[in-house]
Amino acid sequence: FSNTERIIITEFGRSVVGKSAWTACSVEYVKASSETHNVAIIQAGADLFMRTCYQPNNFALRITAHSAKDGTPLTTKKIELDVAGPLCFAGDKLATARTLPTVSQGDFLVVHDTGANTLSTFSRHCSRQQPAVYG
């Protein structure tokens, strides 16, 4: 640029730090809707993943299922799974009809790419405490 009076400032945000963290939650409950569709309730929801819950088409997150026994990825039969958080409103969903292995109480769901727009937007709805950060 020949114009030295202009300064360009960029903020890379999510593209730089998004993949720097992941969140693991144990499955507290599983509600069976049908043979091919269940709902898994985990400890994190709209309080931590506000953008995903309020605008799921714009901020979908990758989720993987892991064994409670040894943490390995589950290889159980794949079904449609809704992943819901602990808050008391219908919008507290991280995923709807996501194809994932069948999970049981105690298994872990890992939400990937949570290094951006999670802790910085955390909501203390119902006086919930912010999750611990390790690393």
Protein backbone atom coordinates (compact mmCIF):
# COMPACT_ATOMS: atom_id res chain seq x y z
CA PHE A 1 0.00 0.00 0.00
CA SER A 2 1.25 3.40 -0.80
CA ASN A 3 -1.08 5.12 1.69
CA THR A 4 0.87 5.02 4.96
CA GLU A 5 -1.86 6.87 6.90
CA ARG A 6 -4.06 3.77 7.06
CA ILE A 7 -3.53 1.06 9.58
CA ILE A 8 -5.15 -2.33 9.13
CA ILE A 9 -5.93 -4.14 12.36
CA THR A 10 -7.15 -7.71 12.30
CA GLU A 11 -8.57 -9.95 14.98
CA PHE A 12 -8.28 -13.60 14.06
CA GLY A 13 -10.28 -14.81 17.07
CA ARG A 14 -11.91 -18.19 16.57
CA SER A 15 -9.71 -19.18 13.62
CA VAL A 16 -6.63 -19.03 15.85
CA VAL A 17 -7.84 -20.20 19.26
CA GLY A 18 -10.95 -22.23 18.46
CA LYS A 19 -9.13 -25.53 18.10
CA SER A 20 -6.94 -24.97 21.16
CA ALA A 21 -9.37 -26.57 23.63
CA TRP A 22 -11.98 -29.27 24.07
CA THR A 23 -14.61 -29.91 26.71
CA ALA A 24 -15.38 -33.34 28.16
CA CYS A 25 -18.69 -34.03 29.90
CA SER A 26 -20.01 -37.23 31.37
CA VAL A 27 -23.46 -38.32 30.29
CA GLU A 28 -25.77 -37.87 33.29
CA TYR A 29 -28.92 -39.33 31.78
CA VAL A 30 -30.06 -40.94 28.56
CA LYS A 31 -33.69 -40.61 27.53
CA ALA A 32 -34.77 -43.14 24.91
CA SER A 33 -37.12 -41.57 22.38
CA SER A 34 -37.12 -44.55 20.03
CA GLU A 35 -34.83 -47.37 18.90
CA THR A 36 -33.00 -44.96 16.61
CA HIS A 37 -33.15 -41.66 18.54
CA ASN A 38 -32.04 -40.82 22.11
CA VAL A 39 -31.38 -37.70 24.16
CA ALA A 40 -28.18 -37.46 26.23
CA ILE A 41 -28.11 -34.94 29.10
CA ILE A 42 -24.65 -33.57 29.97
CA GLN A 43 -23.35 -30.93 32.43
CA ALA A 44 -22.57 -28.23 29.86
CA GLY A 45 -25.11 -26.52 27.68
CA ALA A 46 -26.29 -23.01 26.89
CA ASP A 47 -24.35 -21.65 29.87
CA LEU A 48 -21.03 -22.60 28.22
CA PHE A 49 -21.98 -22.97 24.55
CA MET A 50 -24.30 -20.00 24.23
CA ARG A 51 -23.70 -19.40 20.51
CA THR A 52 -24.23 -23.05 19.62
CA CYS A 53 -27.51 -23.27 21.54
CA TYR A 54 -28.97 -20.01 20.26
CA GLN A 55 -27.73 -20.29 16.66
CA PRO A 56 -26.99 -23.98 16.02
CA ASN A 57 -26.80 -23.61 12.23
CA ASN A 58 -24.07 -20.98 12.49
CA PHE A 59 -22.04 -22.41 15.39
CA ALA A 60 -22.26 -26.21 15.24
CA LEU A 61 -19.56 -28.01 17.23
CA ARG A 62 -17.98 -31.41 16.63
CA ILE A 63 -18.93 -33.98 19.27
CA THR A 64 -17.42 -37.43 19.82
CA ALA A 65 -18.49 -40.19 22.22
CA HIS A 66 -16.04 -42.01 24.51
CA SER A 67 -16.24 -44.97 26.89
CA ALA A 68 -16.61 -44.37 30.63
CA LYS A 69 -14.41 -47.41 31.21
CA ASP A 70 -11.22 -46.33 29.44
CA GLY A 71 -11.93 -43.18 27.43
CA THR A 72 -11.61 -44.86 24.04
CA PRO A 73 -13.97 -43.80 21.25
CA LEU A 74 -17.25 -45.71 21.38
CA THR A 75 -17.94 -48.21 18.63
CA THR A 76 -21.53 -48.99 19.62
CA LYS A 77 -24.41 -48.86 17.15
CA LYS A 78 -24.84 -45.37 15.67
CA ILE A 79 -28.14 -43.63 16.24
CA GLU A 80 -29.53 -40.11 16.10
CA LEU A 81 -28.68 -38.35 19.35
CA ASP A 82 -29.82 -35.04 20.76
CA VAL A 83 -27.28 -33.61 23.21
CA ALA A 84 -28.90 -31.40 25.82
CA GLY A 85 -27.51 -29.36 28.67
CA PRO A 86 -28.65 -29.01 32.29
CA LEU A 87 -30.57 -25.75 32.06
CA CYS A 88 -34.33 -25.58 32.35
CA PHE A 89 -35.35 -24.38 28.90
CA ALA A 90 -35.96 -26.09 25.56
CA GLY A 91 -33.12 -24.24 23.78
CA ASP A 92 -30.42 -25.87 25.91
CA LYS A 93 -29.30 -28.23 23.11
CA LEU A 94 -25.82 -28.67 21.72
CA ALA A 95 -26.89 -31.01 18.94
CA THR A 96 -30.13 -32.24 17.43
CA ALA A 97 -30.43 -35.57 15.61
CA ARG A 98 -26.64 -35.92 15.40
CA THR A 99 -25.43 -39.35 14.25
CA LEU A 100 -23.28 -40.66 17.11
CA PRO A 101 -22.62 -44.01 18.78
CA THR A 102 -25.18 -45.12 21.37
CA VAL A 103 -24.14 -43.69 24.75
CA SER A 104 -24.91 -44.81 28.28
CA GLN A 105 -24.93 -43.01 31.61
CA GLY A 106 -21.31 -42.30 32.62
CA ASP A 107 -19.88 -42.30 29.08
CA PHE A 108 -18.16 -39.11 27.96
CA LEU A 109 -19.08 -36.70 25.20
CA VAL A 110 -16.19 -34.54 24.03
CA VAL A 111 -17.09 -31.21 22.47
CA HIS A 112 -14.22 -30.16 20.20
CA ASP A 113 -12.97 -26.72 19.16
CA THR A 114 -14.06 -24.93 22.35
CA GLY A 115 -11.08 -22.60 22.73
CA ALA A 116 -13.05 -19.56 21.57
CA ASN A 117 -16.41 -18.07 22.52
CA THR A 118 -17.05 -20.40 25.45
CA LEU A 119 -15.59 -19.25 28.77
CA SER A 120 -15.62 -15.63 27.59
CA THR A 121 -19.39 -15.81 27.08
CA PHE A 122 -20.20 -18.06 30.05
CA SER A 123 -23.60 -17.40 31.63
CA ARG A 124 -24.11 -17.80 35.37
CA HIS A 125 -27.76 -18.77 34.87
CA CYS A 126 -29.08 -20.43 38.06
CA SER A 127 -25.80 -19.40 39.77
CA ARG A 128 -23.90 -22.19 37.98
CA GLN A 129 -20.15 -22.07 38.48
CA GLN A 130 -17.79 -21.73 35.55
CA PRO A 131 -16.06 -25.03 34.69
CA ALA A 132 -12.44 -25.64 35.66
CA VAL A 133 -9.75 -25.09 33.04
CA TYR A 134 -6.66 -27.32 32.96
CA GLY A 135 -3.55 -26.70 30.91
